[in-house]
Amino acid sequence: MRFVLIILSLFTVAACNTISGIGQDIEAGGGAIAGTAENTKRKM
């Protein structure tokens, strides 16, 4: 189990160029969720 978590962590870090890239990815994900929520709110 521990080995699997290490491998998954390595793939995650490899997907981002730097530590700041991870923050940007998280921020972009949050922005997408917020945008979807706003669109849903407008449709109601």
C-alpha atoms as a PDB file:
ATOM      1  CA  MET A   1       0.000   0.000   0.000  1.00  0.00           C
ATOM      2  CA  ARG A   2       2.773   2.402   0.904  1.00  0.00           C
ATOM      3  CA  PHE A   3       4.531   1.674  -2.393  1.00  0.00           C
ATOM      4  CA  VAL A   4       1.368   2.507  -4.348  1.00  0.00           C
ATOM      5  CA  LEU A   5       1.021   5.849  -2.559  1.00  0.00           C
ATOM      6  CA  ILE A   6       4.642   6.714  -3.320  1.00  0.00           C
ATOM      7  CA  ILE A   7       4.185   5.892  -7.016  1.00  0.00           C
ATOM      8  CA  LEU A   8       0.987   7.949  -7.205  1.00  0.00           C
ATOM      9  CA  SER A   9       2.739  10.865  -5.515  1.00  0.00           C
ATOM     10  CA  LEU A  10       5.566  10.700  -8.018  1.00  0.00           C
ATOM     11  CA  PHE A  11       3.142  10.774 -10.935  1.00  0.00           C
ATOM     12  CA  THR A  12       1.351  13.744  -9.405  1.00  0.00           C
ATOM     13  CA  VAL A  13       4.561  15.689  -8.920  1.00  0.00           C
ATOM     14  CA  ALA A  14       5.773  14.730 -12.404  1.00  0.00           C
ATOM     15  CA  ALA A  15       2.587  16.195 -13.873  1.00  0.00           C
ATOM     16  CA  CYS A  16       3.509  19.622 -12.503  1.00  0.00           C
ATOM     17  CA  ASN A  17       6.753  21.329 -13.397  1.00  0.00           C
ATOM     18  CA  THR A  18       7.312  22.905  -9.986  1.00  0.00           C
ATOM     19  CA  ILE A  19       5.758  23.180  -6.552  1.00  0.00           C
ATOM     20  CA  SER A  20       4.168  26.453  -7.631  1.00  0.00           C
ATOM     21  CA  GLY A  21       2.703  24.558 -10.577  1.00  0.00           C
ATOM     22  CA  ILE A  22       0.842  22.350  -8.115  1.00  0.00           C
ATOM     23  CA  GLY A  23      -0.677  25.453  -6.537  1.00  0.00           C
ATOM     24  CA  GLN A  24      -1.702  26.759  -9.933  1.00  0.00           C
ATOM     25  CA  ASP A  25      -3.318  23.430 -10.805  1.00  0.00           C
ATOM     26  CA  ILE A  26      -5.296  23.454  -7.557  1.00  0.00           C
ATOM     27  CA  GLU A  27      -6.320  27.065  -8.131  1.00  0.00           C
ATOM     28  CA  ALA A  28      -7.482  26.274 -11.669  1.00  0.00           C
ATOM     29  CA  GLY A  29      -9.549  23.366 -10.366  1.00  0.00           C
ATOM     30  CA  GLY A  30     -11.169  25.611  -7.784  1.00  0.00           C
ATOM     31  CA  GLY A  31     -11.917  28.194 -10.448  1.00  0.00           C
ATOM     32  CA  ALA A  32     -13.610  25.574 -12.604  1.00  0.00           C
ATOM     33  CA  ILE A  33     -15.783  24.465  -9.693  1.00  0.00           C
ATOM     34  CA  ALA A  34     -16.699  28.070  -8.875  1.00  0.00           C
ATOM     35  CA  GLY A  35     -17.578  28.767 -12.506  1.00  0.00           C
ATOM     36  CA  THR A  36     -19.809  25.711 -12.699  1.00  0.00           C
ATOM     37  CA  ALA A  37     -21.538  26.723  -9.480  1.00  0.00           C
ATOM     38  CA  GLU A  38     -22.191  30.234 -10.824  1.00  0.00           C
ATOM     39  CA  ASN A  39     -23.617  28.844 -14.091  1.00  0.00           C
ATOM     40  CA  THR A  40     -25.895  26.482 -12.176  1.00  0.00           C
ATOM     41  CA  LYS A  41     -27.061  29.306  -9.898  1.00  0.00           C
ATOM     42  CA  ARG A  42     -27.948  31.496 -12.901  1.00  0.00           C
ATOM     43  CA  LYS A  43     -30.003  28.688 -14.482  1.00  0.00           C
ATOM     44  CA  MET A  44     -32.131  28.219 -11.358  1.00  0.00           C
END
